[in-house]
Structure formats: structure tokens, C-alpha cells
């Protein structure tokens, strides 16, 4: 059995979590003061994900790039592949907040969306 210590990031309380793991199975989570701490700990130990933020090139806009982010967390192991793919993406203005600029990035099932408006020039 292995033990991992984490700090929960779901709320400002920052609970100190202890996760007991046996191979590929979480046996027990302690230290959490709510169910979200348990959910976070299990996910972080077995399949950690992160929101990826970056920029994507824009043509014909009042800005040359638009800030973007993944619509939800992607597996940490896919972050570099995601970033490499975003370097090749170019969208045309106008771009609106929430527009999908890349679908199913790095075969994660997660879309990348714009986080700022870019108007045409």
C-alpha cells in the first residue's frame, strides 16, 4: 500500500488530504471536509487533469492572437501534445468569447475555446 499527501484545491479551505492507494485502486481518502475533496483526491491520483491556457493566431483581426483555454481539464500527459497542436491553429476574425477554435484537442474529447473577442479590421 502507498500513501500520497495532497492539498485540495476545490475551495479556499485547502484541506490536507491523505490518499491510500493499492496499485491502481484508491482504498481511502481522509482529511477532506466535504465530498469534493474525496472526488478531487481520487481524480488527482488516478487521472490528473489540467485546464490548458494559450493563444491562437488570428488573421484579419484587431489583434494578432486570441487567448484560449480548454473547455475542461485534459489529462496531464496530453498537455504537450495539446500545446504543439495549438501552435498550428489559425482562426479568422471575428472571434467571440466561447467560440470553439479547436475541437477534440489531442484526441481528448475536449474543445478549445476563445476567451476574448477579436474584431475584424
PDB file of N, CA and C in Angstrom:
ATOM      1  N   UNK A   1       0.837  -1.178   0.000  1.00  0.00           N
ATOM      2  CA  UNK A   1       0.000   0.000   0.000  1.00  0.00           C
ATOM      3  C   UNK A   1       0.888   1.249   0.000  1.00  0.00           C
ATOM      4  N   UNK A   2       0.423   2.268  -0.738  1.00  0.00           N
ATOM      5  CA  UNK A   2       1.146   3.527  -0.854  1.00  0.00           C
ATOM      6  C   UNK A   2       0.256   4.650  -0.322  1.00  0.00           C
ATOM      7  N   UNK A   3       0.879   5.697   0.192  1.00  0.00           N
ATOM      8  CA  UNK A   3       0.145   6.838   0.711  1.00  0.00           C
ATOM      9  C   UNK A   3       0.631   8.097   0.010  1.00  0.00           C
ATOM     10  N   UNK A   4      -0.309   8.913  -0.476  1.00  0.00           N
ATOM     11  CA  UNK A   4       0.039  10.185  -1.101  1.00  0.00           C
ATOM     12  C   UNK A   4      -0.640  11.297  -0.331  1.00  0.00           C
ATOM     13  N   UNK A   5       0.070  12.406  -0.172  1.00  0.00           N
ATOM     14  CA  UNK A   5      -0.477  13.567   0.509  1.00  0.00           C
ATOM     15  C   UNK A   5      -0.707  14.673  -0.506  1.00  0.00           C
ATOM     16  N   UNK A   6      -1.887  15.267  -0.445  1.00  0.00           N
ATOM     17  CA  UNK A   6      -2.281  16.323  -1.368  1.00  0.00           C
ATOM     18  C   UNK A   6      -2.929  17.457  -0.588  1.00  0.00           C
ATOM     19  N   UNK A   7      -2.971  18.616  -1.196  1.00  0.00           N
ATOM     20  CA  UNK A   7      -3.768  19.715  -0.681  1.00  0.00           C
ATOM     21  C   UNK A   7      -4.909  19.929  -1.656  1.00  0.00           C
ATOM     22  N   UNK A   8      -6.124  19.866  -1.154  1.00  0.00           N
ATOM     23  CA  UNK A   8      -7.302  20.027  -2.002  1.00  0.00           C
ATOM     24  C   UNK A   8      -7.371  21.462  -2.513  1.00  0.00           C
ATOM     25  N   UNK A   9      -7.733  21.618  -3.793  1.00  0.00           N
ATOM     26  CA  UNK A   9      -7.816  22.942  -4.403  1.00  0.00           C
ATOM     27  C   UNK A   9      -9.243  23.311  -4.797  1.00  0.00           C
ATOM     28  N   UNK A  10     -10.218  22.558  -4.316  1.00  0.00           N
ATOM     29  CA  UNK A  10     -11.609  22.826  -4.702  1.00  0.00           C
ATOM     30  C   UNK A  10     -12.222  24.029  -4.029  1.00  0.00           C
ATOM     31  N   UNK A  11     -11.727  24.441  -2.891  1.00  0.00           N
ATOM     32  CA  UNK A  11     -12.271  25.614  -2.209  1.00  0.00           C
ATOM     33  C   UNK A  11     -11.154  26.257  -1.390  1.00  0.00           C
ATOM     34  N   UNK A  12     -11.405  27.399  -0.787  1.00  0.00           N
ATOM     35  CA  UNK A  12     -10.360  28.094  -0.028  1.00  0.00           C
ATOM     36  C   UNK A  12      -9.885  27.372   1.237  1.00  0.00           C
ATOM     37  N   UNK A  13     -10.595  26.337   1.679  1.00  0.00           N
ATOM     38  CA  UNK A  13     -10.184  25.655   2.917  1.00  0.00           C
ATOM     39  C   UNK A  13      -8.842  24.944   2.753  1.00  0.00           C
ATOM     40  N   UNK A  14      -8.536  24.440   1.566  1.00  0.00           N
ATOM     41  CA  UNK A  14      -7.252  23.787   1.314  1.00  0.00           C
ATOM     42  C   UNK A  14      -6.987  22.607   2.228  1.00  0.00           C
ATOM     43  N   UNK A  15      -7.948  21.700   2.314  1.00  0.00           N
ATOM     44  CA  UNK A  15      -7.818  20.535   3.201  1.00  0.00           C
ATOM     45  C   UNK A  15      -6.573  19.719   2.861  1.00  0.00           C
ATOM     46  N   UNK A  16      -5.893  19.232   3.886  1.00  0.00           N
ATOM     47  CA  UNK A  16      -4.753  18.335   3.707  1.00  0.00           C
ATOM     48  C   UNK A  16      -5.295  16.917   3.581  1.00  0.00           C
ATOM     49  N   UNK A  17      -5.103  16.334   2.416  1.00  0.00           N
ATOM     50  CA  UNK A  17      -5.659  15.021   2.122  1.00  0.00           C
ATOM     51  C   UNK A  17      -4.590  13.946   2.194  1.00  0.00           C
ATOM     52  N   UNK A  18      -4.994  12.783   2.632  1.00  0.00           N
ATOM     53  CA  UNK A  18      -4.136  11.602   2.602  1.00  0.00           C
ATOM     54  C   UNK A  18      -4.893  10.546   1.798  1.00  0.00           C
ATOM     55  N   UNK A  19      -4.240  10.044   0.754  1.00  0.00           N
ATOM     56  CA  UNK A  19      -4.858   9.066  -0.130  1.00  0.00           C
ATOM     57  C   UNK A  19      -4.095   7.752  -0.010  1.00  0.00           C
ATOM     58  N   UNK A  20      -4.816   6.705   0.333  1.00  0.00           N
ATOM     59  CA  UNK A  20      -4.227   5.364   0.414  1.00  0.00           C
ATOM     60  C   UNK A  20      -4.514   4.648  -0.898  1.00  0.00           C
ATOM     61  N   UNK A  21      -3.433   4.159  -1.516  1.00  0.00           N
ATOM     62  CA  UNK A  21      -3.522   3.545  -2.845  1.00  0.00           C
ATOM     63  C   UNK A  21      -2.927   2.146  -2.792  1.00  0.00           C
ATOM     64  N   UNK A  22      -3.594   1.229  -3.478  1.00  0.00           N
ATOM     65  CA  UNK A  22      -3.067  -0.122  -3.652  1.00  0.00           C
ATOM     66  C   UNK A  22      -3.083  -0.407  -5.147  1.00  0.00           C
ATOM     67  N   UNK A  23      -1.933  -0.282  -5.790  1.00  0.00           N
ATOM     68  CA  UNK A  23      -1.859  -0.476  -7.234  1.00  0.00           C
ATOM     69  C   UNK A  23      -2.633   0.602  -7.964  1.00  0.00           C
ATOM     70  N   UNK A  24      -3.664   0.188  -8.712  1.00  0.00           N
ATOM     71  CA  UNK A  24      -4.497   1.118  -9.473  1.00  0.00           C
ATOM     72  C   UNK A  24      -5.810   1.416  -8.772  1.00  0.00           C
ATOM     73  N   UNK A  25      -5.860   1.223  -7.470  1.00  0.00           N
ATOM     74  CA  UNK A  25      -7.103   1.412  -6.736  1.00  0.00           C
ATOM     75  C   UNK A  25      -6.904   2.340  -5.532  1.00  0.00           C
ATOM     76  N   UNK A  26      -7.786   3.317  -5.413  1.00  0.00           N
ATOM     77  CA  UNK A  26      -7.789   4.182  -4.234  1.00  0.00           C
ATOM     78  C   UNK A  26      -8.593   3.462  -3.157  1.00  0.00           C
ATOM     79  N   UNK A  27      -7.936   3.188  -2.039  1.00  0.00           N
ATOM     80  CA  UNK A  27      -8.599   2.486  -0.947  1.00  0.00           C
ATOM     81  C   UNK A  27      -9.349   3.442  -0.025  1.00  0.00           C
ATOM     82  N   UNK A  28      -8.740   4.599   0.245  1.00  0.00           N
ATOM     83  CA  UNK A  28      -9.338   5.500   1.218  1.00  0.00           C
ATOM     84  C   UNK A  28      -8.780   6.910   1.058  1.00  0.00           C
ATOM     85  N   UNK A  29      -9.650   7.896   1.260  1.00  0.00           N
ATOM     86  CA  UNK A  29      -9.242   9.303   1.282  1.00  0.00           C
ATOM     87  C   UNK A  29      -9.632   9.860   2.633  1.00  0.00           C
ATOM     88  N   UNK A  30      -8.704  10.533   3.293  1.00  0.00           N
ATOM     89  CA  UNK A  30      -9.013  11.157   4.582  1.00  0.00           C
ATOM     90  C   UNK A  30      -8.528  12.599   4.578  1.00  0.00           C
ATOM     91  N   UNK A  31      -9.049  13.383   5.508  1.00  0.00           N
ATOM     92  CA  UNK A  31      -8.659  14.781   5.644  1.00  0.00           C
ATOM     93  C   UNK A  31      -9.591  15.741   4.951  1.00  0.00           C
ATOM     94  N   UNK A  32     -10.487  15.228   4.124  1.00  0.00           N
ATOM     95  CA  UNK A  32     -11.409  16.102   3.410  1.00  0.00           C
ATOM     96  C   UNK A  32     -12.589  16.468   4.303  1.00  0.00           C
ATOM     97  N   UNK A  33     -13.043  17.719   4.168  1.00  0.00           N
ATOM     98  CA  UNK A  33     -14.194  18.142   4.954  1.00  0.00           C
ATOM     99  C   UNK A  33     -15.483  18.144   4.131  1.00  0.00           C
ATOM    100  N   UNK A  34     -15.390  17.759   2.859  1.00  0.00           N
ATOM    101  CA  UNK A  34     -16.590  17.632   2.024  1.00  0.00           C
ATOM    102  C   UNK A  34     -16.344  16.573   0.953  1.00  0.00           C
ATOM    103  N   UNK A  35     -17.404  16.208   0.251  1.00  0.00           N
ATOM    104  CA  UNK A  35     -17.300  15.156  -0.772  1.00  0.00           C
ATOM    105  C   UNK A  35     -16.412  15.569  -1.949  1.00  0.00           C
ATOM    106  N   UNK A  36     -16.296  16.874  -2.187  1.00  0.00           N
ATOM    107  CA  UNK A  36     -15.487  17.334  -3.320  1.00  0.00           C
ATOM    108  C   UNK A  36     -14.008  17.048  -3.105  1.00  0.00           C
ATOM    109  N   UNK A  37     -13.557  17.057  -1.866  1.00  0.00           N
ATOM    110  CA  UNK A  37     -12.182  16.698  -1.558  1.00  0.00           C
ATOM    111  C   UNK A  37     -11.895  15.256  -1.905  1.00  0.00           C
ATOM    112  N   UNK A  38     -12.838  14.375  -1.609  1.00  0.00           N
ATOM    113  CA  UNK A  38     -12.710  12.962  -1.947  1.00  0.00           C
ATOM    114  C   UNK A  38     -12.643  12.777  -3.461  1.00  0.00           C
ATOM    115  N   UNK A  39     -13.542  13.445  -4.165  1.00  0.00           N
ATOM    116  CA  UNK A  39     -13.579  13.349  -5.635  1.00  0.00           C
ATOM    117  C   UNK A  39     -12.278  13.878  -6.230  1.00  0.00           C
ATOM    118  N   UNK A  40     -11.824  15.038  -5.746  1.00  0.00           N
ATOM    119  CA  UNK A  40     -10.586  15.635  -6.244  1.00  0.00           C
ATOM    120  C   UNK A  40      -9.402  14.695  -6.024  1.00  0.00           C
ATOM    121  N   UNK A  41      -9.281  14.143  -4.808  1.00  0.00           N
ATOM    122  CA  UNK A  41      -8.142  13.283  -4.471  1.00  0.00           C
ATOM    123  C   UNK A  41      -8.095  12.055  -5.368  1.00  0.00           C
ATOM    124  N   UNK A  42      -9.228  11.417  -5.567  1.00  0.00           N
ATOM    125  CA  UNK A  42      -9.273  10.222  -6.408  1.00  0.00           C
ATOM    126  C   UNK A  42      -8.876  10.541  -7.848  1.00  0.00           C
ATOM    127  N   UNK A  43      -9.379  11.646  -8.358  1.00  0.00           N
ATOM    128  CA  UNK A  43      -9.052  12.053  -9.720  1.00  0.00           C
ATOM    129  C   UNK A  43      -7.582  12.434  -9.855  1.00  0.00           C
ATOM    130  N   UNK A  44      -7.074  13.214  -8.910  1.00  0.00           N
ATOM    131  CA  UNK A  44      -5.697  13.697  -8.980  1.00  0.00           C
ATOM    132  C   UNK A  44      -4.684  12.564  -8.897  1.00  0.00           C
ATOM    133  N   UNK A  45      -5.007  11.528  -8.161  1.00  0.00           N
ATOM    134  CA  UNK A  45      -4.081  10.400  -8.006  1.00  0.00           C
ATOM    135  C   UNK A  45      -4.160   9.445  -9.197  1.00  0.00           C
ATOM    136  N   UNK A  46      -5.365   9.207  -9.695  1.00  0.00           N
ATOM    137  CA  UNK A  46      -5.534   8.192 -10.738  1.00  0.00           C
ATOM    138  C   UNK A  46      -5.480   8.753 -12.165  1.00  0.00           C
ATOM    139  N   UNK A  47      -6.005   9.958 -12.374  1.00  0.00           N
ATOM    140  CA  UNK A  47      -6.036  10.544 -13.712  1.00  0.00           C
ATOM    141  C   UNK A  47      -6.016  12.069 -13.610  1.00  0.00           C
ATOM    142  N   UNK A  48      -4.857  12.654 -13.277  1.00  0.00           N
ATOM    143  CA  UNK A  48      -4.795  14.102 -13.100  1.00  0.00           C
ATOM    144  C   UNK A  48      -5.075  14.848 -14.400  1.00  0.00           C
ATOM    145  N   UNK A  49      -5.865  15.911 -14.289  1.00  0.00           N
ATOM    146  CA  UNK A  49      -6.200  16.738 -15.446  1.00  0.00           C
ATOM    147  C   UNK A  49      -5.885  18.191 -15.140  1.00  0.00           C
ATOM    148  N   UNK A  50      -5.714  18.968 -16.192  1.00  0.00           N
ATOM    149  CA  UNK A  50      -5.451  20.396 -16.060  1.00  0.00           C
ATOM    150  C   UNK A  50      -6.156  21.154 -17.173  1.00  0.00           C
ATOM    151  N   UNK A  51      -6.582  22.380 -16.859  1.00  0.00           N
ATOM    152  CA  UNK A  51      -7.053  23.313 -17.875  1.00  0.00           C
ATOM    153  C   UNK A  51      -5.800  23.879 -18.544  1.00  0.00           C
ATOM    154  N   UNK A  52      -5.796  23.928 -19.865  1.00  0.00           N
ATOM    155  CA  UNK A  52      -4.654  24.470 -20.602  1.00  0.00           C
ATOM    156  C   UNK A  52      -5.050  25.835 -21.152  1.00  0.00           C
ATOM    157  N   UNK A  53      -4.204  26.831 -20.938  1.00  0.00           N
ATOM    158  CA  UNK A  53      -4.430  28.163 -21.495  1.00  0.00           C
ATOM    159  C   UNK A  53      -3.273  28.497 -22.437  1.00  0.00           C
ATOM    160  N   UNK A  54      -3.613  29.194 -23.508  1.00  0.00           N
ATOM    161  CA  UNK A  54      -2.602  29.552 -24.500  1.00  0.00           C
ATOM    162  C   UNK A  54      -3.156  30.678 -25.362  1.00  0.00           C
ATOM    163  N   UNK A  55      -2.561  30.851 -26.540  1.00  0.00           N
ATOM    164  CA  UNK A  55      -3.072  31.786 -27.536  1.00  0.00           C
ATOM    165  C   UNK A  55      -3.075  31.094 -28.895  1.00  0.00           C
ATOM    166  N   UNK A  56      -3.920  31.606 -29.776  1.00  0.00           N
ATOM    167  CA  UNK A  56      -4.035  31.087 -31.139  1.00  0.00           C
ATOM    168  C   UNK A  56      -3.970  32.274 -32.091  1.00  0.00           C
ATOM    169  N   UNK A  57      -3.298  32.092 -33.206  1.00  0.00           N
ATOM    170  CA  UNK A  57      -3.160  33.160 -34.200  1.00  0.00           C
ATOM    171  C   UNK A  57      -4.512  33.520 -34.807  1.00  0.00           C
ATOM    172  N   UNK A  58      -4.681  34.823 -35.082  1.00  0.00           N
ATOM    173  CA  UNK A  58      -5.899  35.334 -35.718  1.00  0.00           C
ATOM    174  C   UNK A  58      -5.491  36.126 -36.953  1.00  0.00           C
ATOM    175  N   UNK A  59      -6.195  35.899 -38.071  1.00  0.00           N
ATOM    176  CA  UNK A  59      -5.978  36.704 -39.270  1.00  0.00           C
ATOM    177  C   UNK A  59      -7.151  37.654 -39.444  1.00  0.00           C
ATOM    178  N   UNK A  60      -6.849  38.856 -39.924  1.00  0.00           N
ATOM    179  CA  UNK A  60      -7.887  39.839 -40.227  1.00  0.00           C
ATOM    180  C   UNK A  60      -8.536  40.464 -39.014  1.00  0.00           C
ATOM    181  N   UNK A  61      -7.855  40.415 -37.871  1.00  0.00           N
ATOM    182  CA  UNK A  61      -8.452  40.956 -36.659  1.00  0.00           C
ATOM    183  C   UNK A  61      -7.709  42.147 -36.104  1.00  0.00           C
ATOM    184  N   UNK A  62      -8.334  42.817 -35.123  1.00  0.00           N
ATOM    185  CA  UNK A  62      -7.681  43.946 -34.472  1.00  0.00           C
ATOM    186  C   UNK A  62      -6.588  43.482 -33.508  1.00  0.00           C
ATOM    187  N   UNK A  63      -6.503  42.176 -33.279  1.00  0.00           N
ATOM    188  CA  UNK A  63      -5.420  41.555 -32.513  1.00  0.00           C
ATOM    189  C   UNK A  63      -4.855  40.414 -33.342  1.00  0.00           C
ATOM    190  N   UNK A  64      -3.570  40.155 -33.195  1.00  0.00           N
ATOM    191  CA  UNK A  64      -2.929  39.083 -33.953  1.00  0.00           C
ATOM    192  C   UNK A  64      -3.111  37.705 -33.333  1.00  0.00           C
ATOM    193  N   UNK A  65      -3.478  37.683 -32.048  1.00  0.00           N
ATOM    194  CA  UNK A  65      -3.687  36.428 -31.328  1.00  0.00           C
ATOM    195  C   UNK A  65      -4.908  36.563 -30.435  1.00  0.00           C
ATOM    196  N   UNK A  66      -5.537  35.430 -30.141  1.00  0.00           N
ATOM    197  CA  UNK A  66      -6.653  35.406 -29.217  1.00  0.00           C
ATOM    198  C   UNK A  66      -6.318  34.435 -28.079  1.00  0.00           C
ATOM    199  N   UNK A  67      -6.585  34.828 -26.821  1.00  0.00           N
ATOM    200  CA  UNK A  67      -6.361  33.886 -25.730  1.00  0.00           C
ATOM    201  C   UNK A  67      -7.414  32.772 -25.777  1.00  0.00           C
ATOM    202  N   UNK A  68      -6.967  31.565 -25.457  1.00  0.00           N
ATOM    203  CA  UNK A  68      -7.843  30.397 -25.492  1.00  0.00           C
ATOM    204  C   UNK A  68      -7.610  29.524 -24.264  1.00  0.00           C
ATOM    205  N   UNK A  69      -8.551  28.619 -24.013  1.00  0.00           N
ATOM    206  CA  UNK A  69      -8.384  27.640 -22.946  1.00  0.00           C
ATOM    207  C   UNK A  69      -9.180  26.397 -23.299  1.00  0.00           C
ATOM    208  N   UNK A  70      -8.783  25.274 -22.697  1.00  0.00           N
ATOM    209  CA  UNK A  70      -9.571  24.068 -22.885  1.00  0.00           C
ATOM    210  C   UNK A  70     -10.875  24.245 -22.115  1.00  0.00           C
ATOM    211  N   UNK A  71     -11.963  23.728 -22.656  1.00  0.00           N
ATOM    212  CA  UNK A  71     -13.277  23.886 -22.039  1.00  0.00           C
ATOM    213  C   UNK A  71     -13.376  23.146 -20.708  1.00  0.00           C
ATOM    214  N   UNK A  72     -12.511  22.173 -20.521  1.00  0.00           N
ATOM    215  CA  UNK A  72     -12.403  21.444 -19.247  1.00  0.00           C
ATOM    216  C   UNK A  72     -11.000  20.866 -19.159  1.00  0.00           C
ATOM    217  N   UNK A  73     -10.699  20.242 -18.062  1.00  0.00           N
ATOM    218  CA  UNK A  73      -9.369  19.674 -17.885  1.00  0.00           C
ATOM    219  C   UNK A  73      -9.088  18.549 -18.868  1.00  0.00           C
ATOM    220  N   UNK A  74      -7.836  18.471 -19.306  1.00  0.00           N
ATOM    221  CA  UNK A  74      -7.381  17.353 -20.134  1.00  0.00           C
ATOM    222  C   UNK A  74      -6.333  16.583 -19.339  1.00  0.00           C
ATOM    223  N   UNK A  75      -6.115  15.316 -19.679  1.00  0.00           N
ATOM    224  CA  UNK A  75      -5.088  14.551 -18.962  1.00  0.00           C
ATOM    225  C   UNK A  75      -3.724  15.248 -19.039  1.00  0.00           C
ATOM    226  N   UNK A  76      -3.026  15.286 -17.909  1.00  0.00           N
ATOM    227  CA  UNK A  76      -1.710  15.943 -17.871  1.00  0.00           C
ATOM    228  C   UNK A  76      -0.772  15.405 -18.942  1.00  0.00           C
ATOM    229  N   UNK A  77      -0.850  14.121 -19.222  1.00  0.00           N
ATOM    230  CA  UNK A  77       0.053  13.514 -20.200  1.00  0.00           C
ATOM    231  C   UNK A  77      -0.190  14.031 -21.622  1.00  0.00           C
ATOM    232  N   UNK A  78      -1.320  14.724 -21.852  1.00  0.00           N
ATOM    233  CA  UNK A  78      -1.662  15.239 -23.178  1.00  0.00           C
ATOM    234  C   UNK A  78      -1.364  16.731 -23.337  1.00  0.00           C
ATOM    235  N   UNK A  79      -0.853  17.379 -22.306  1.00  0.00           N
ATOM    236  CA  UNK A  79      -0.650  18.828 -22.357  1.00  0.00           C
ATOM    237  C   UNK A  79       0.330  19.234 -23.451  1.00  0.00           C
ATOM    238  N   UNK A  80       1.463  18.588 -23.542  1.00  0.00           N
ATOM    239  CA  UNK A  80       2.459  18.974 -24.555  1.00  0.00           C
ATOM    240  C   UNK A  80       1.927  18.760 -25.974  1.00  0.00           C
ATOM    241  N   UNK A  81       1.205  17.668 -26.183  1.00  0.00           N
ATOM    242  CA  UNK A  81       0.595  17.413 -27.492  1.00  0.00           C
ATOM    243  C   UNK A  81      -0.427  18.503 -27.811  1.00  0.00           C
ATOM    244  N   UNK A  82      -1.212  18.895 -26.836  1.00  0.00           N
ATOM    245  CA  UNK A  82      -2.192  19.970 -27.000  1.00  0.00           C
ATOM    246  C   UNK A  82      -1.497  21.265 -27.401  1.00  0.00           C
ATOM    247  N   UNK A  83      -0.442  21.628 -26.690  1.00  0.00           N
ATOM    248  CA  UNK A  83       0.279  22.867 -26.985  1.00  0.00           C
ATOM    249  C   UNK A  83       0.885  22.844 -28.386  1.00  0.00           C
ATOM    250  N   UNK A  84       1.427  21.709 -28.767  1.00  0.00           N
ATOM    251  CA  UNK A  84       2.011  21.575 -30.106  1.00  0.00           C
ATOM    252  C   UNK A  84       0.936  21.784 -31.180  1.00  0.00           C
ATOM    253  N   UNK A  85      -0.252  21.223 -30.941  1.00  0.00           N
ATOM    254  CA  UNK A  85      -1.338  21.366 -31.908  1.00  0.00           C
ATOM    255  C   UNK A  85      -1.836  22.813 -31.968  1.00  0.00           C
ATOM    256  N   UNK A  86      -1.907  23.489 -30.831  1.00  0.00           N
ATOM    257  CA  UNK A  86      -2.394  24.868 -30.821  1.00  0.00           C
ATOM    258  C   UNK A  86      -1.474  25.804 -31.588  1.00  0.00           C
ATOM    259  N   UNK A  87      -0.187  25.478 -31.671  1.00  0.00           N
ATOM    260  CA  UNK A  87       0.753  26.303 -32.449  1.00  0.00           C
ATOM    261  C   UNK A  87       0.382  26.319 -33.929  1.00  0.00           C
ATOM    262  N   UNK A  88      -0.337  25.304 -34.406  1.00  0.00           N
ATOM    263  CA  UNK A  88      -0.691  25.203 -35.822  1.00  0.00           C
ATOM    264  C   UNK A  88      -2.064  25.778 -36.138  1.00  0.00           C
ATOM    265  N   UNK A  89      -2.811  26.183 -35.125  1.00  0.00           N
ATOM    266  CA  UNK A  89      -4.179  26.684 -35.326  1.00  0.00           C
ATOM    267  C   UNK A  89      -4.147  28.168 -35.670  1.00  0.00           C
ATOM    268  N   UNK A  90      -4.931  28.539 -36.679  1.00  0.00           N
ATOM    269  CA  UNK A  90      -5.106  29.938 -37.058  1.00  0.00           C
ATOM    270  C   UNK A  90      -6.586  30.135 -37.368  1.00  0.00           C
ATOM    271  N   UNK A  91      -7.200  31.139 -36.760  1.00  0.00           N
ATOM    272  CA  UNK A  91      -8.618  31.409 -36.986  1.00  0.00           C
ATOM    273  C   UNK A  91      -8.763  32.784 -37.625  1.00  0.00           C
ATOM    274  N   UNK A  92      -9.892  32.998 -38.285  1.00  0.00           N
ATOM    275  CA  UNK A  92     -10.184  34.277 -38.923  1.00  0.00           C
ATOM    276  C   UNK A  92     -11.121  35.093 -38.047  1.00  0.00           C
ATOM    277  N   UNK A  93     -10.862  36.391 -38.018  1.00  0.00           N
ATOM    278  CA  UNK A  93     -11.738  37.301 -37.282  1.00  0.00           C
ATOM    279  C   UNK A  93     -13.073  37.409 -38.016  1.00  0.00           C
ATOM    280  N   UNK A  94     -14.155  37.669 -37.342  1.00  0.00           N
ATOM    281  CA  UNK A  94     -14.253  37.945 -35.918  1.00  0.00           C
ATOM    282  C   UNK A  94     -14.249  36.646 -35.095  1.00  0.00           C
ATOM    283  N   UNK A  95     -13.748  36.774 -33.879  1.00  0.00           N
ATOM    284  CA  UNK A  95     -13.753  35.669 -32.919  1.00  0.00           C
ATOM    285  C   UNK A  95     -14.476  36.187 -31.679  1.00  0.00           C
ATOM    286  N   UNK A  96     -15.358  35.354 -31.133  1.00  0.00           N
ATOM    287  CA  UNK A  96     -16.112  35.760 -29.949  1.00  0.00           C
ATOM    288  C   UNK A  96     -15.801  34.832 -28.782  1.00  0.00           C
ATOM    289  N   UNK A  97     -15.864  35.382 -27.591  1.00  0.00           N
ATOM    290  CA  UNK A  97     -15.652  34.597 -26.382  1.00  0.00           C
ATOM    291  C   UNK A  97     -16.570  33.376 -26.408  1.00  0.00           C
ATOM    292  N   UNK A  98     -15.980  32.220 -26.201  1.00  0.00           N
ATOM    293  CA  UNK A  98     -16.741  30.970 -26.215  1.00  0.00           C
ATOM    294  C   UNK A  98     -16.720  30.240 -27.543  1.00  0.00           C
ATOM    295  N   UNK A  99     -16.262  30.910 -28.616  1.00  0.00           N
ATOM    296  CA  UNK A  99     -16.152  30.230 -29.913  1.00  0.00           C
ATOM    297  C   UNK A  99     -15.169  29.073 -29.800  1.00  0.00           C
ATOM    298  N   UNK A 100     -15.505  27.960 -30.414  1.00  0.00           N
ATOM    299  CA  UNK A 100     -14.603  26.811 -30.456  1.00  0.00           C
ATOM    300  C   UNK A 100     -13.540  27.079 -31.519  1.00  0.00           C
ATOM    301  N   UNK A 101     -12.277  27.042 -31.120  1.00  0.00           N
ATOM    302  CA  UNK A 101     -11.181  27.264 -32.064  1.00  0.00           C
ATOM    303  C   UNK A 101     -10.482  25.964 -32.426  1.00  0.00           C
ATOM    304  N   UNK A 102     -10.676  24.915 -31.633  1.00  0.00           N
ATOM    305  CA  UNK A 102     -10.126  23.586 -31.941  1.00  0.00           C
ATOM    306  C   UNK A 102     -11.015  22.549 -31.255  1.00  0.00           C
ATOM    307  N   UNK A 103     -11.472  21.578 -32.030  1.00  0.00           N
ATOM    308  CA  UNK A 103     -12.325  20.519 -31.486  1.00  0.00           C
ATOM    309  C   UNK A 103     -11.495  19.298 -31.109  1.00  0.00           C
ATOM    310  N   UNK A 104     -11.900  18.642 -30.045  1.00  0.00           N
ATOM    311  CA  UNK A 104     -11.306  17.368 -29.643  1.00  0.00           C
ATOM    312  C   UNK A 104      -9.773  17.431 -29.646  1.00  0.00           C
ATOM    313  N   UNK A 105      -9.237  18.431 -28.974  1.00  0.00           N
ATOM    314  CA  UNK A 105      -7.787  18.650 -28.994  1.00  0.00           C
ATOM    315  C   UNK A 105      -7.036  17.415 -28.486  1.00  0.00           C
ATOM    316  N   UNK A 106      -6.058  16.993 -29.223  1.00  0.00           N
ATOM    317  CA  UNK A 106      -5.193  15.856 -28.869  1.00  0.00           C
ATOM    318  C   UNK A 106      -6.004  14.599 -28.540  1.00  0.00           C
ATOM    319  N   UNK A 107      -7.121  14.429 -29.229  1.00  0.00           N
ATOM    320  CA  UNK A 107      -7.999  13.260 -29.025  1.00  0.00           C
ATOM    321  C   UNK A 107      -8.433  13.099 -27.570  1.00  0.00           C
ATOM    322  N   UNK A 108      -8.712  14.216 -26.911  1.00  0.00           N
ATOM    323  CA  UNK A 108      -9.145  14.175 -25.507  1.00  0.00           C
ATOM    324  C   UNK A 108     -10.656  14.262 -25.376  1.00  0.00           C
ATOM    325  N   UNK A 109     -11.342  14.630 -26.466  1.00  0.00           N
ATOM    326  CA  UNK A 109     -12.779  14.862 -26.401  1.00  0.00           C
ATOM    327  C   UNK A 109     -13.119  16.254 -25.895  1.00  0.00           C
ATOM    328  N   UNK A 110     -12.083  17.086 -25.685  1.00  0.00           N
ATOM    329  CA  UNK A 110     -12.267  18.423 -25.121  1.00  0.00           C
ATOM    330  C   UNK A 110     -11.985  19.471 -26.204  1.00  0.00           C
ATOM    331  N   UNK A 111     -12.863  20.472 -26.269  1.00  0.00           N
ATOM    332  CA  UNK A 111     -12.679  21.565 -27.212  1.00  0.00           C
ATOM    333  C   UNK A 111     -11.861  22.685 -26.586  1.00  0.00           C
ATOM    334  N   UNK A 112     -11.223  23.476 -27.452  1.00  0.00           N
ATOM    335  CA  UNK A 112     -10.506  24.675 -27.027  1.00  0.00           C
ATOM    336  C   UNK A 112     -11.357  25.863 -27.456  1.00  0.00           C
ATOM    337  N   UNK A 113     -11.602  26.795 -26.510  1.00  0.00           N
ATOM    338  CA  UNK A 113     -12.477  27.926 -26.779  1.00  0.00           C
ATOM    339  C   UNK A 113     -11.745  29.255 -26.586  1.00  0.00           C
ATOM    340  N   UNK A 114     -12.221  30.265 -27.328  1.00  0.00           N
ATOM    341  CA  UNK A 114     -11.679  31.616 -27.197  1.00  0.00           C
ATOM    342  C   UNK A 114     -12.146  32.211 -25.873  1.00  0.00           C
ATOM    343  N   UNK A 115     -11.285  33.023 -25.266  1.00  0.00           N
ATOM    344  CA  UNK A 115     -11.647  33.677 -24.002  1.00  0.00           C
ATOM    345  C   UNK A 115     -11.687  35.203 -24.139  1.00  0.00           C
ATOM    346  N   UNK A 116     -11.652  35.690 -25.375  1.00  0.00           N
ATOM    347  CA  UNK A 116     -11.717  37.135 -25.624  1.00  0.00           C
ATOM    348  C   UNK A 116     -12.269  37.356 -27.017  1.00  0.00           C
ATOM    349  N   UNK A 117     -12.921  38.485 -27.226  1.00  0.00           N
ATOM    350  CA  UNK A 117     -13.406  38.854 -28.545  1.00  0.00           C
ATOM    351  C   UNK A 117     -12.272  39.478 -29.355  1.00  0.00           C
ATOM    352  N   UNK A 118     -12.224  39.142 -30.635  1.00  0.00           N
ATOM    353  CA  UNK A 118     -11.314  39.800 -31.582  1.00  0.00           C
ATOM    354  C   UNK A 118     -12.177  40.253 -32.759  1.00  0.00           C
ATOM    355  N   UNK A 119     -12.175  41.562 -32.980  1.00  0.00           N
ATOM    356  CA  UNK A 119     -12.998  42.136 -34.055  1.00  0.00           C
ATOM    357  C   UNK A 119     -12.235  42.183 -35.371  1.00  0.00           C
ATOM    358  N   UNK A 120     -13.002  42.265 -36.463  1.00  0.00           N
ATOM    359  CA  UNK A 120     -12.393  42.384 -37.796  1.00  0.00           C
ATOM    360  C   UNK A 120     -11.851  43.799 -37.969  1.00  0.00           C
ATOM    361  N   UNK A 121     -10.810  43.903 -38.796  1.00  0.00           N
ATOM    362  CA  UNK A 121     -10.297  45.240 -39.135  1.00  0.00           C
ATOM    363  C   UNK A 121     -10.645  45.568 -40.553  1.00  0.00           C
TER     364      UNK A 121
END
